Amino acid sequence: MEVKERIIEKAGDLFYQYGIKNTSMDELASSLGISKRTIYENFKDKEDILLSLLMQLKQDRDKQFSGFLSEEYNVVEIFIKIIEIQQATPLCNVKFFQDIHKYYPRAGKMMQEEFDKNNAHLRRFLQNGIEQGFIRKDLNVDVAAFLVEESTYTYVRASYLEKPPFSFPELFYTMMINFVRGISTEKGIKIIDRYLDKQKRNNK
């Protein structure tokens, strides 16, 4: 892995865990075993690293989604794949998002633009699901797409809880599985229920 990629990856780990403002360039350099000068030879400043991280995350998501489409999964199966990926993703400290909106306007703008673009993609995705017969015809696609995007913030807000009576992956899983099942036709529900039965057997 190239130095630049290593810096982005390690910065992401530290930003998610402690927040962006709480992560110093000295700590980043020390955790990588390199000099701070090496970081500045690759990035202008911390925001430059953050923007590169957000771009890398976007590219990774786009690649994963394109892979699902190329393998011809149906809409419900793709939702399940996304749920599984999110469950395996470490919880991001709420300070990460707070810092972006408070101190890094360029990054905040990038995230908002990505949100708007994802929302448009999601509406088309749900419409395709309706045409394929997996998603209910009476679904308000605009509202459903909004709810999916907002679920991210529900997940983040839960991190404020001092002693939550559930794990965060469990929160996301329960929220999204029930959402997808609720918008699905009988054909889609059968796919969800087969998946749930398989999960139940695997957990015994």
N, C-alpha and C. Protein backbone atom coordinates (compact mmCIF):
# COMPACT_ATOMS: atom_id res chain seq x y z
N MET A 1 0.84 -1.19 0.00
CA MET A 1 0.00 0.00 0.00
C MET A 1 0.89 1.25 0.00
N GLU A 2 0.56 2.21 -0.86
CA GLU A 2 1.33 3.44 -0.94
C GLU A 2 1.14 4.29 0.33
N VAL A 3 2.11 5.17 0.57
CA VAL A 3 2.08 6.01 1.77
C VAL A 3 0.79 6.82 1.83
N LYS A 4 0.39 7.40 0.71
CA LYS A 4 -0.82 8.23 0.68
C LYS A 4 -2.05 7.42 1.09
N GLU A 5 -2.14 6.21 0.58
CA GLU A 5 -3.29 5.34 0.91
C GLU A 5 -3.26 4.96 2.39
N ARG A 6 -2.06 4.70 2.92
CA ARG A 6 -1.92 4.35 4.33
C ARG A 6 -2.37 5.51 5.23
N ILE A 7 -2.01 6.72 4.83
CA ILE A 7 -2.38 7.90 5.61
C ILE A 7 -3.90 8.05 5.63
N ILE A 8 -4.54 7.90 4.47
CA ILE A 8 -6.00 8.03 4.39
C ILE A 8 -6.69 6.97 5.24
N GLU A 9 -6.21 5.75 5.15
CA GLU A 9 -6.83 4.64 5.89
C GLU A 9 -6.71 4.84 7.40
N LYS A 10 -5.49 5.19 7.86
CA LYS A 10 -5.28 5.37 9.30
C LYS A 10 -6.02 6.62 9.80
N ALA A 11 -6.04 7.67 9.01
CA ALA A 11 -6.78 8.88 9.39
C ALA A 11 -8.26 8.55 9.56
N GLY A 12 -8.79 7.73 8.66
CA GLY A 12 -10.19 7.33 8.77
C GLY A 12 -10.45 6.61 10.08
N ASP A 13 -9.57 5.69 10.44
CA ASP A 13 -9.72 4.95 11.71
C ASP A 13 -9.76 5.91 12.90
N LEU A 14 -8.83 6.86 12.92
CA LEU A 14 -8.73 7.80 14.04
C LEU A 14 -9.88 8.80 14.04
N PHE A 15 -10.26 9.30 12.86
CA PHE A 15 -11.37 10.26 12.76
C PHE A 15 -12.66 9.63 13.26
N TYR A 16 -12.91 8.37 12.85
CA TYR A 16 -14.14 7.69 13.24
C TYR A 16 -14.18 7.44 14.75
N GLN A 17 -13.02 7.13 15.31
CA GLN A 17 -12.97 6.76 16.72
C GLN A 17 -12.99 7.98 17.65
N TYR A 18 -12.25 9.02 17.28
CA TYR A 18 -12.07 10.15 18.21
C TYR A 18 -12.67 11.48 17.71
N GLY A 19 -13.06 11.53 16.45
CA GLY A 19 -13.45 12.80 15.85
C GLY A 19 -12.27 13.39 15.10
N ILE A 20 -12.54 14.37 14.27
CA ILE A 20 -11.48 14.94 13.42
C ILE A 20 -10.64 15.95 14.20
N LYS A 21 -11.28 16.85 14.92
CA LYS A 21 -10.54 17.87 15.67
C LYS A 21 -9.68 17.25 16.76
N ASN A 22 -10.13 16.13 17.33
CA ASN A 22 -9.38 15.50 18.41
C ASN A 22 -8.21 14.66 17.91
N THR A 23 -8.07 14.53 16.61
CA THR A 23 -6.96 13.77 16.03
C THR A 23 -5.92 14.74 15.50
N SER A 24 -4.76 14.76 16.12
CA SER A 24 -3.70 15.68 15.68
C SER A 24 -2.85 15.03 14.59
N MET A 25 -2.17 15.86 13.85
CA MET A 25 -1.26 15.35 12.81
C MET A 25 -0.11 14.58 13.45
N ASP A 26 0.30 15.01 14.65
CA ASP A 26 1.36 14.29 15.37
C ASP A 26 0.91 12.86 15.71
N GLU A 27 -0.34 12.73 16.19
CA GLU A 27 -0.87 11.41 16.52
C GLU A 27 -0.99 10.53 15.28
N LEU A 28 -1.42 11.14 14.19
CA LEU A 28 -1.55 10.39 12.94
C LEU A 28 -0.19 9.90 12.47
N ALA A 29 0.80 10.78 12.51
CA ALA A 29 2.16 10.40 12.08
C ALA A 29 2.71 9.30 12.98
N SER A 30 2.53 9.45 14.29
CA SER A 30 3.04 8.46 15.25
C SER A 30 2.39 7.10 15.04
N SER A 31 1.07 7.08 14.81
CA SER A 31 0.37 5.81 14.63
C SER A 31 0.79 5.09 13.35
N LEU A 32 1.31 5.86 12.40
CA LEU A 32 1.77 5.27 11.14
C LEU A 32 3.26 4.95 11.15
N GLY A 33 3.97 5.49 12.15
CA GLY A 33 5.40 5.28 12.20
C GLY A 33 6.14 6.07 11.15
N ILE A 34 5.60 7.26 10.80
CA ILE A 34 6.24 8.12 9.81
C ILE A 34 6.38 9.52 10.40
N SER A 35 7.08 10.38 9.72
CA SER A 35 7.22 11.75 10.20
C SER A 35 6.04 12.60 9.77
N LYS A 36 5.79 13.67 10.52
CA LYS A 36 4.72 14.59 10.14
C LYS A 36 5.04 15.25 8.79
N ARG A 37 6.31 15.41 8.53
CA ARG A 37 6.72 16.00 7.25
C ARG A 37 6.25 15.15 6.08
N THR A 38 6.30 13.82 6.27
CA THR A 38 5.85 12.91 5.21
C THR A 38 4.36 13.11 4.91
N ILE A 39 3.58 13.35 5.95
CA ILE A 39 2.15 13.61 5.75
C ILE A 39 1.95 14.88 4.93
N TYR A 40 2.71 15.94 5.30
CA TYR A 40 2.55 17.20 4.59
C TYR A 40 3.13 17.18 3.18
N GLU A 41 3.96 16.20 2.89
CA GLU A 41 4.44 16.03 1.52
C GLU A 41 3.35 15.42 0.64
N ASN A 42 2.36 14.79 1.27
CA ASN A 42 1.27 14.15 0.52
C ASN A 42 -0.05 14.89 0.60
N PHE A 43 -0.25 15.66 1.68
CA PHE A 43 -1.50 16.38 1.87
C PHE A 43 -1.24 17.79 2.36
N LYS A 44 -2.07 18.73 1.91
CA LYS A 44 -1.91 20.13 2.29
C LYS A 44 -2.17 20.34 3.78
N ASP A 45 -3.27 19.72 4.28
CA ASP A 45 -3.66 19.88 5.69
C ASP A 45 -4.63 18.77 6.06
N LYS A 46 -5.19 18.86 7.24
CA LYS A 46 -6.10 17.81 7.72
C LYS A 46 -7.37 17.73 6.86
N GLU A 47 -7.87 18.89 6.43
CA GLU A 47 -9.07 18.87 5.60
C GLU A 47 -8.81 18.20 4.26
N ASP A 48 -7.61 18.36 3.75
CA ASP A 48 -7.23 17.69 2.50
C ASP A 48 -7.30 16.17 2.69
N ILE A 49 -6.83 15.69 3.84
CA ILE A 49 -6.92 14.25 4.15
C ILE A 49 -8.38 13.83 4.25
N LEU A 50 -9.19 14.64 4.94
CA LEU A 50 -10.61 14.34 5.12
C LEU A 50 -11.33 14.26 3.78
N LEU A 51 -11.08 15.21 2.89
CA LEU A 51 -11.71 15.20 1.58
C LEU A 51 -11.31 13.96 0.78
N SER A 52 -10.03 13.59 0.89
CA SER A 52 -9.55 12.38 0.21
C SER A 52 -10.22 11.13 0.79
N LEU A 53 -10.43 11.12 2.11
CA LEU A 53 -11.10 10.00 2.76
C LEU A 53 -12.55 9.88 2.27
N LEU A 54 -13.26 11.00 2.23
CA LEU A 54 -14.66 10.98 1.78
C LEU A 54 -14.76 10.54 0.32
N MET A 55 -13.81 10.97 -0.49
CA MET A 55 -13.80 10.55 -1.89
C MET A 55 -13.53 9.05 -2.01
N GLN A 56 -12.63 8.53 -1.17
CA GLN A 56 -12.33 7.10 -1.18
C GLN A 56 -13.55 6.30 -0.75
N LEU A 57 -14.25 6.76 0.27
CA LEU A 57 -15.47 6.08 0.72
C LEU A 57 -16.53 6.06 -0.38
N LYS A 58 -16.67 7.18 -1.08
CA LYS A 58 -17.63 7.26 -2.19
C LYS A 58 -17.28 6.26 -3.28
N GLN A 59 -16.01 6.20 -3.64
CA GLN A 59 -15.58 5.29 -4.70
C GLN A 59 -15.80 3.83 -4.29
N ASP A 60 -15.53 3.52 -3.03
CA ASP A 60 -15.74 2.15 -2.53
C ASP A 60 -17.22 1.78 -2.58
N ARG A 61 -18.10 2.70 -2.16
CA ARG A 61 -19.54 2.43 -2.19
C ARG A 61 -20.03 2.23 -3.62
N ASP A 62 -19.56 3.10 -4.53
CA ASP A 62 -19.97 3.00 -5.93
C ASP A 62 -19.52 1.67 -6.53
N LYS A 63 -18.31 1.25 -6.18
CA LYS A 63 -17.78 -0.01 -6.70
C LYS A 63 -18.59 -1.20 -6.19
N GLN A 64 -18.92 -1.18 -4.90
CA GLN A 64 -19.72 -2.26 -4.32
C GLN A 64 -21.09 -2.33 -4.97
N PHE A 65 -21.74 -1.19 -5.12
CA PHE A 65 -23.07 -1.15 -5.68
C PHE A 65 -23.06 -1.60 -7.14
N SER A 66 -22.05 -1.16 -7.89
CA SER A 66 -21.93 -1.58 -9.29
C SER A 66 -21.73 -3.09 -9.39
N GLY A 67 -20.97 -3.63 -8.41
CA GLY A 67 -20.76 -5.09 -8.39
C GLY A 67 -22.05 -5.84 -8.16
N PHE A 68 -22.90 -5.33 -7.27
CA PHE A 68 -24.19 -5.97 -7.02
C PHE A 68 -25.06 -5.95 -8.28
N LEU A 69 -25.06 -4.82 -8.98
CA LEU A 69 -25.87 -4.69 -10.19
C LEU A 69 -25.36 -5.61 -11.30
N SER A 70 -24.04 -5.73 -11.41
CA SER A 70 -23.47 -6.57 -12.47
C SER A 70 -23.76 -8.05 -12.25
N GLU A 71 -23.97 -8.43 -10.99
CA GLU A 71 -24.28 -9.83 -10.68
C GLU A 71 -25.78 -10.09 -10.74
N GLU A 72 -26.54 -9.08 -11.13
CA GLU A 72 -27.98 -9.20 -11.38
C GLU A 72 -28.77 -9.64 -10.15
N TYR A 73 -28.41 -9.11 -9.00
CA TYR A 73 -29.26 -9.29 -7.82
C TYR A 73 -30.52 -8.45 -8.01
N ASN A 74 -31.63 -8.90 -7.45
CA ASN A 74 -32.82 -8.06 -7.50
C ASN A 74 -32.75 -7.01 -6.40
N VAL A 75 -33.71 -6.10 -6.40
CA VAL A 75 -33.68 -4.96 -5.48
C VAL A 75 -33.63 -5.40 -4.01
N VAL A 76 -34.45 -6.37 -3.64
CA VAL A 76 -34.49 -6.83 -2.25
C VAL A 76 -33.17 -7.48 -1.86
N GLU A 77 -32.59 -8.26 -2.74
CA GLU A 77 -31.30 -8.91 -2.46
C GLU A 77 -30.19 -7.88 -2.28
N ILE A 78 -30.24 -6.80 -3.06
CA ILE A 78 -29.23 -5.74 -2.93
C ILE A 78 -29.39 -5.02 -1.60
N PHE A 79 -30.62 -4.78 -1.18
CA PHE A 79 -30.85 -4.19 0.15
C PHE A 79 -30.22 -5.06 1.23
N ILE A 80 -30.41 -6.37 1.12
CA ILE A 80 -29.85 -7.30 2.11
C ILE A 80 -28.33 -7.23 2.11
N LYS A 81 -27.72 -7.16 0.93
CA LYS A 81 -26.26 -7.05 0.83
C LYS A 81 -25.76 -5.77 1.51
N ILE A 82 -26.48 -4.67 1.29
CA ILE A 82 -26.09 -3.39 1.89
C ILE A 82 -26.21 -3.46 3.41
N ILE A 83 -27.27 -4.08 3.90
CA ILE A 83 -27.47 -4.25 5.34
C ILE A 83 -26.32 -5.04 5.94
N GLU A 84 -25.89 -6.10 5.28
CA GLU A 84 -24.80 -6.94 5.78
C GLU A 84 -23.49 -6.15 5.83
N ILE A 85 -23.24 -5.34 4.80
CA ILE A 85 -22.02 -4.52 4.77
C ILE A 85 -22.03 -3.52 5.92
N GLN A 86 -23.17 -2.86 6.12
CA GLN A 86 -23.26 -1.85 7.17
C GLN A 86 -23.10 -2.45 8.56
N GLN A 87 -23.62 -3.67 8.73
CA GLN A 87 -23.48 -4.35 10.02
C GLN A 87 -22.02 -4.60 10.37
N ALA A 88 -21.21 -4.84 9.35
CA ALA A 88 -19.80 -5.15 9.58
C ALA A 88 -18.93 -3.89 9.66
N THR A 89 -19.55 -2.71 9.46
CA THR A 89 -18.80 -1.46 9.50
C THR A 89 -18.75 -0.91 10.92
N PRO A 90 -17.56 -0.57 11.42
CA PRO A 90 -17.46 -0.03 12.79
C PRO A 90 -18.29 1.23 12.95
N LEU A 91 -18.88 1.41 14.15
CA LEU A 91 -19.68 2.60 14.42
C LEU A 91 -18.79 3.84 14.41
N CYS A 92 -19.28 4.87 13.77
CA CYS A 92 -18.54 6.12 13.68
C CYS A 92 -18.93 7.02 14.84
N ASN A 93 -17.92 7.57 15.53
CA ASN A 93 -18.18 8.52 16.62
C ASN A 93 -18.97 9.71 16.08
N VAL A 94 -20.00 10.11 16.82
CA VAL A 94 -20.84 11.22 16.37
C VAL A 94 -20.03 12.50 16.17
N LYS A 95 -18.90 12.63 16.87
CA LYS A 95 -18.06 13.81 16.72
C LYS A 95 -17.50 13.94 15.30
N PHE A 96 -17.38 12.84 14.59
CA PHE A 96 -16.92 12.89 13.20
C PHE A 96 -17.84 13.78 12.38
N PHE A 97 -19.15 13.56 12.50
CA PHE A 97 -20.12 14.35 11.74
C PHE A 97 -20.25 15.76 12.30
N GLN A 98 -20.18 15.88 13.62
CA GLN A 98 -20.26 17.20 14.22
C GLN A 98 -19.10 18.08 13.76
N ASP A 99 -17.91 17.51 13.74
CA ASP A 99 -16.72 18.26 13.33
C ASP A 99 -16.81 18.70 11.88
N ILE A 100 -17.32 17.81 11.03
CA ILE A 100 -17.45 18.16 9.61
C ILE A 100 -18.36 19.37 9.45
N HIS A 101 -19.53 19.33 10.07
CA HIS A 101 -20.50 20.41 9.89
C HIS A 101 -20.05 21.70 10.58
N LYS A 102 -19.22 21.59 11.62
CA LYS A 102 -18.81 22.78 12.36
C LYS A 102 -17.52 23.40 11.84
N TYR A 103 -16.59 22.56 11.43
CA TYR A 103 -15.25 23.07 11.12
C TYR A 103 -14.80 22.87 9.67
N TYR A 104 -15.46 21.99 8.92
CA TYR A 104 -14.95 21.64 7.58
C TYR A 104 -16.06 21.81 6.54
N PRO A 105 -16.37 23.05 6.15
CA PRO A 105 -17.48 23.31 5.23
C PRO A 105 -17.33 22.65 3.86
N ARG A 106 -16.11 22.55 3.36
CA ARG A 106 -15.93 21.90 2.05
C ARG A 106 -16.32 20.43 2.14
N ALA A 107 -15.94 19.79 3.23
CA ALA A 107 -16.31 18.39 3.41
C ALA A 107 -17.82 18.26 3.62
N GLY A 108 -18.41 19.21 4.37
CA GLY A 108 -19.85 19.19 4.57
C GLY A 108 -20.60 19.35 3.26
N LYS A 109 -20.10 20.23 2.40
CA LYS A 109 -20.72 20.42 1.09
C LYS A 109 -20.61 19.15 0.25
N MET A 110 -19.45 18.50 0.31
CA MET A 110 -19.27 17.26 -0.43
C MET A 110 -20.25 16.19 0.04
N MET A 111 -20.43 16.09 1.35
CA MET A 111 -21.36 15.10 1.91
C MET A 111 -22.79 15.40 1.50
N GLN A 112 -23.17 16.68 1.50
CA GLN A 112 -24.54 17.05 1.11
C GLN A 112 -24.78 16.75 -0.36
N GLU A 113 -23.79 17.03 -1.20
CA GLU A 113 -23.92 16.73 -2.63
C GLU A 113 -24.05 15.22 -2.84
N GLU A 114 -23.30 14.45 -2.07
CA GLU A 114 -23.37 12.99 -2.18
C GLU A 114 -24.73 12.50 -1.68
N PHE A 115 -25.23 13.11 -0.62
CA PHE A 115 -26.56 12.77 -0.10
C PHE A 115 -27.61 12.99 -1.18
N ASP A 116 -27.57 14.15 -1.83
CA ASP A 116 -28.56 14.47 -2.87
C ASP A 116 -28.46 13.50 -4.04
N LYS A 117 -27.23 13.17 -4.43
CA LYS A 117 -27.06 12.24 -5.55
C LYS A 117 -27.52 10.84 -5.18
N ASN A 118 -27.18 10.40 -3.96
CA ASN A 118 -27.62 9.08 -3.51
C ASN A 118 -29.13 8.99 -3.42
N ASN A 119 -29.76 10.10 -2.99
CA ASN A 119 -31.21 10.13 -2.89
C ASN A 119 -31.85 9.94 -4.26
N ALA A 120 -31.28 10.59 -5.28
CA ALA A 120 -31.80 10.44 -6.64
C ALA A 120 -31.62 9.01 -7.14
N HIS A 121 -30.43 8.42 -6.87
CA HIS A 121 -30.17 7.03 -7.27
C HIS A 121 -31.14 6.09 -6.57
N LEU A 122 -31.38 6.36 -5.29
CA LEU A 122 -32.24 5.49 -4.49
C LEU A 122 -33.68 5.53 -5.00
N ARG A 123 -34.15 6.70 -5.39
CA ARG A 123 -35.50 6.80 -5.94
C ARG A 123 -35.64 5.98 -7.21
N ARG A 124 -34.62 6.06 -8.08
CA ARG A 124 -34.65 5.26 -9.31
C ARG A 124 -34.58 3.76 -8.99
N PHE A 125 -33.76 3.43 -8.00
CA PHE A 125 -33.59 2.04 -7.57
C PHE A 125 -34.92 1.47 -7.06
N LEU A 126 -35.61 2.24 -6.24
CA LEU A 126 -36.91 1.80 -5.72
C LEU A 126 -37.94 1.70 -6.84
N GLN A 127 -37.90 2.63 -7.78
CA GLN A 127 -38.82 2.59 -8.91
C GLN A 127 -38.59 1.33 -9.74
N ASN A 128 -37.31 0.96 -9.91
CA ASN A 128 -37.00 -0.29 -10.62
C ASN A 128 -37.57 -1.48 -9.87
N GLY A 129 -37.49 -1.42 -8.54
CA GLY A 129 -38.04 -2.50 -7.72
C GLY A 129 -39.54 -2.64 -7.90
N ILE A 130 -40.22 -1.52 -8.05
CA ILE A 130 -41.67 -1.54 -8.31
C ILE A 130 -41.95 -2.20 -9.65
N GLU A 131 -41.18 -1.79 -10.66
CA GLU A 131 -41.38 -2.35 -12.01
C GLU A 131 -41.06 -3.84 -12.06
N GLN A 132 -40.11 -4.28 -11.21
CA GLN A 132 -39.75 -5.70 -11.16
C GLN A 132 -40.74 -6.52 -10.35
N GLY A 133 -41.60 -5.85 -9.60
CA GLY A 133 -42.60 -6.56 -8.81
C GLY A 133 -42.16 -6.93 -7.40
N PHE A 134 -41.01 -6.37 -6.96
CA PHE A 134 -40.52 -6.68 -5.61
C PHE A 134 -40.93 -5.62 -4.58
N ILE A 135 -41.23 -4.40 -5.06
CA ILE A 135 -41.60 -3.29 -4.18
C ILE A 135 -43.05 -2.89 -4.48
N ARG A 136 -43.79 -2.56 -3.44
CA ARG A 136 -45.21 -2.23 -3.57
C ARG A 136 -45.44 -1.04 -4.51
N LYS A 137 -46.46 -1.15 -5.33
CA LYS A 137 -46.78 -0.10 -6.29
C LYS A 137 -47.27 1.18 -5.61
N ASP A 138 -47.87 1.04 -4.41
CA ASP A 138 -48.41 2.21 -3.73
C ASP A 138 -47.36 2.96 -2.90
N LEU A 139 -46.11 2.53 -2.99
CA LEU A 139 -45.06 3.16 -2.20
C LEU A 139 -44.79 4.58 -2.67
N ASN A 140 -44.69 5.51 -1.74
CA ASN A 140 -44.24 6.86 -2.06
C ASN A 140 -42.72 6.82 -2.11
N VAL A 141 -42.17 6.78 -3.30
CA VAL A 141 -40.73 6.59 -3.50
C VAL A 141 -39.92 7.72 -2.88
N ASP A 142 -40.41 8.94 -2.97
CA ASP A 142 -39.68 10.09 -2.40
C ASP A 142 -39.55 9.96 -0.88
N VAL A 143 -40.64 9.58 -0.22
CA VAL A 143 -40.62 9.43 1.23
C VAL A 143 -39.72 8.26 1.63
N ALA A 144 -39.83 7.14 0.91
CA ALA A 144 -39.02 5.96 1.24
C ALA A 144 -37.53 6.25 1.09
N ALA A 145 -37.14 6.94 0.02
CA ALA A 145 -35.74 7.28 -0.19
C ALA A 145 -35.23 8.20 0.92
N PHE A 146 -36.06 9.15 1.32
CA PHE A 146 -35.71 10.05 2.42
C PHE A 146 -35.48 9.27 3.71
N LEU A 147 -36.36 8.31 4.00
CA LEU A 147 -36.25 7.53 5.23
C LEU A 147 -34.98 6.68 5.25
N VAL A 148 -34.62 6.13 4.11
CA VAL A 148 -33.39 5.33 4.04
C VAL A 148 -32.18 6.20 4.36
N GLU A 149 -32.12 7.38 3.75
CA GLU A 149 -30.99 8.28 4.00
C GLU A 149 -30.98 8.75 5.45
N GLU A 150 -32.14 9.05 6.00
CA GLU A 150 -32.23 9.53 7.38
C GLU A 150 -31.87 8.46 8.40
N SER A 151 -31.98 7.19 8.01
CA SER A 151 -31.65 6.10 8.94
C SER A 151 -30.20 6.18 9.38
N THR A 152 -29.35 6.76 8.54
CA THR A 152 -27.94 6.94 8.91
C THR A 152 -27.83 7.83 10.14
N TYR A 153 -28.65 8.88 10.19
CA TYR A 153 -28.58 9.81 11.30
C TYR A 153 -29.20 9.21 12.58
N THR A 154 -30.19 8.35 12.42
CA THR A 154 -30.74 7.63 13.57
C THR A 154 -29.65 6.78 14.20
N TYR A 155 -28.88 6.14 13.36
CA TYR A 155 -27.77 5.29 13.79
C TYR A 155 -26.74 6.11 14.55
N VAL A 156 -26.44 7.30 14.02
CA VAL A 156 -25.44 8.16 14.66
C VAL A 156 -25.97 8.72 15.98
N ARG A 157 -27.24 9.16 15.99
CA ARG A 157 -27.81 9.73 17.21
C ARG A 157 -27.82 8.72 18.35
N ALA A 158 -27.95 7.45 18.02
CA ALA A 158 -27.98 6.40 19.05
C ALA A 158 -26.66 6.34 19.81
N SER A 159 -25.59 6.84 19.19
CA SER A 159 -24.28 6.80 19.85
C SER A 159 -24.23 7.75 21.05
N TYR A 160 -25.23 8.64 21.17
CA TYR A 160 -25.30 9.52 22.34
C TYR A 160 -25.75 8.76 23.58
N LEU A 161 -26.42 7.63 23.39
CA LEU A 161 -26.94 6.88 24.52
C LEU A 161 -25.79 6.34 25.37
N GLU A 162 -25.91 6.54 26.69
CA GLU A 162 -24.82 6.12 27.58
C GLU A 162 -24.74 4.60 27.70
N LYS A 163 -25.89 3.95 27.91
CA LYS A 163 -25.92 2.49 28.02
C LYS A 163 -27.09 1.95 27.22
N PRO A 164 -26.97 1.91 25.91
CA PRO A 164 -28.08 1.45 25.08
C PRO A 164 -28.38 -0.03 25.34
N PRO A 165 -29.67 -0.41 25.33
CA PRO A 165 -30.05 -1.80 25.58
C PRO A 165 -29.93 -2.68 24.34
N PHE A 166 -29.11 -2.26 23.40
CA PHE A 166 -28.92 -3.02 22.15
C PHE A 166 -27.56 -2.64 21.58
N SER A 167 -27.07 -3.48 20.69
CA SER A 167 -25.83 -3.15 19.98
C SER A 167 -26.20 -2.27 18.78
N PHE A 168 -25.26 -1.48 18.32
CA PHE A 168 -25.55 -0.61 17.19
C PHE A 168 -25.78 -1.39 15.89
N PRO A 169 -25.02 -2.48 15.63
CA PRO A 169 -25.35 -3.28 14.45
C PRO A 169 -26.77 -3.86 14.53
N GLU A 170 -27.20 -4.23 15.75
CA GLU A 170 -28.55 -4.75 15.92
C GLU A 170 -29.60 -3.67 15.62
N LEU A 171 -29.31 -2.44 16.02
CA LEU A 171 -30.21 -1.33 15.74
C LEU A 171 -30.39 -1.16 14.24
N PHE A 172 -29.28 -1.08 13.51
CA PHE A 172 -29.35 -0.88 12.07
C PHE A 172 -30.05 -2.04 11.38
N TYR A 173 -29.69 -3.26 11.79
CA TYR A 173 -30.26 -4.47 11.18
C TYR A 173 -31.79 -4.49 11.37
N THR A 174 -32.24 -4.27 12.60
CA THR A 174 -33.67 -4.31 12.90
C THR A 174 -34.42 -3.22 12.13
N MET A 175 -33.84 -2.04 12.12
CA MET A 175 -34.46 -0.90 11.46
C MET A 175 -34.61 -1.15 9.95
N MET A 176 -33.54 -1.60 9.31
CA MET A 176 -33.55 -1.73 7.86
C MET A 176 -34.28 -2.98 7.37
N ILE A 177 -34.12 -4.11 8.09
CA ILE A 177 -34.82 -5.32 7.67
C ILE A 177 -36.33 -5.09 7.71
N ASN A 178 -36.82 -4.47 8.77
CA ASN A 178 -38.25 -4.21 8.88
C ASN A 178 -38.72 -3.18 7.86
N PHE A 179 -37.86 -2.21 7.55
CA PHE A 179 -38.20 -1.22 6.54
C PHE A 179 -38.36 -1.89 5.17
N VAL A 180 -37.36 -2.69 4.78
CA VAL A 180 -37.40 -3.33 3.46
C VAL A 180 -38.58 -4.30 3.37
N ARG A 181 -38.82 -5.05 4.45
CA ARG A 181 -39.95 -5.97 4.44
C ARG A 181 -41.27 -5.21 4.31
N GLY A 182 -41.34 -4.05 4.94
CA GLY A 182 -42.56 -3.25 4.90
C GLY A 182 -42.88 -2.68 3.54
N ILE A 183 -41.87 -2.40 2.71
CA ILE A 183 -42.12 -1.82 1.39
C ILE A 183 -42.19 -2.88 0.30
N SER A 184 -41.99 -4.15 0.68
CA SER A 184 -41.93 -5.22 -0.31
C SER A 184 -43.29 -5.82 -0.63
N THR A 185 -43.41 -6.35 -1.84
CA THR A 185 -44.58 -7.13 -2.22
C THR A 185 -44.43 -8.53 -1.63
N GLU A 186 -45.42 -9.38 -1.88
CA GLU A 186 -45.34 -10.76 -1.38
C GLU A 186 -44.08 -11.45 -1.93
N LYS A 187 -43.75 -11.16 -3.17
CA LYS A 187 -42.55 -11.76 -3.79
C LYS A 187 -41.28 -11.30 -3.06
N GLY A 188 -41.24 -10.03 -2.69
CA GLY A 188 -40.09 -9.51 -1.96
C GLY A 188 -40.03 -10.02 -0.54
N ILE A 189 -41.20 -10.13 0.10
CA ILE A 189 -41.27 -10.62 1.48
C ILE A 189 -40.74 -12.04 1.58
N LYS A 190 -41.03 -12.87 0.58
CA LYS A 190 -40.54 -14.25 0.59
C LYS A 190 -39.01 -14.28 0.63
N ILE A 191 -38.37 -13.37 -0.10
CA ILE A 191 -36.90 -13.30 -0.10
C ILE A 191 -36.38 -12.90 1.28
N ILE A 192 -37.01 -11.88 1.87
CA ILE A 192 -36.63 -11.43 3.20
C ILE A 192 -36.80 -12.54 4.23
N ASP A 193 -37.94 -13.22 4.18
CA ASP A 193 -38.23 -14.26 5.17
C ASP A 193 -37.29 -15.45 5.03
N ARG A 194 -36.92 -15.79 3.81
CA ARG A 194 -35.92 -16.86 3.61
C ARG A 194 -34.59 -16.46 4.23
N TYR A 195 -34.23 -15.19 4.05
CA TYR A 195 -32.99 -14.68 4.62
C TYR A 195 -33.04 -14.72 6.14
N LEU A 196 -34.17 -14.29 6.72
CA LEU A 196 -34.33 -14.28 8.17
C LEU A 196 -34.27 -15.70 8.74
N ASP A 197 -34.88 -16.66 8.05
CA ASP A 197 -34.84 -18.05 8.49
C ASP A 197 -33.40 -18.58 8.46
N LYS A 198 -32.67 -18.21 7.42
CA LYS A 198 -31.27 -18.64 7.30
C LYS A 198 -30.44 -18.04 8.44
N GLN A 199 -30.67 -16.77 8.76
CA GLN A 199 -29.96 -16.13 9.86
C GLN A 199 -30.26 -16.80 11.19
N LYS A 200 -31.52 -17.18 11.38
CA LYS A 200 -31.94 -17.83 12.62
C LYS A 200 -31.25 -19.18 12.77
N ARG A 201 -31.16 -19.91 11.67
CA ARG A 201 -30.48 -21.22 11.72
C ARG A 201 -29.00 -21.07 12.00
N ASN A 202 -28.39 -20.05 11.40
CA ASN A 202 -26.95 -19.82 11.58
C ASN A 202 -26.61 -19.39 13.00
N ASN A 203 -27.57 -18.75 13.68
CA ASN A 203 -27.33 -18.25 15.02
C ASN A 203 -27.62 -19.27 16.13
N LYS A 204 -28.12 -20.43 15.74
CA LYS A 204 -28.42 -21.46 16.75
C LYS A 204 -27.15 -22.13 17.23
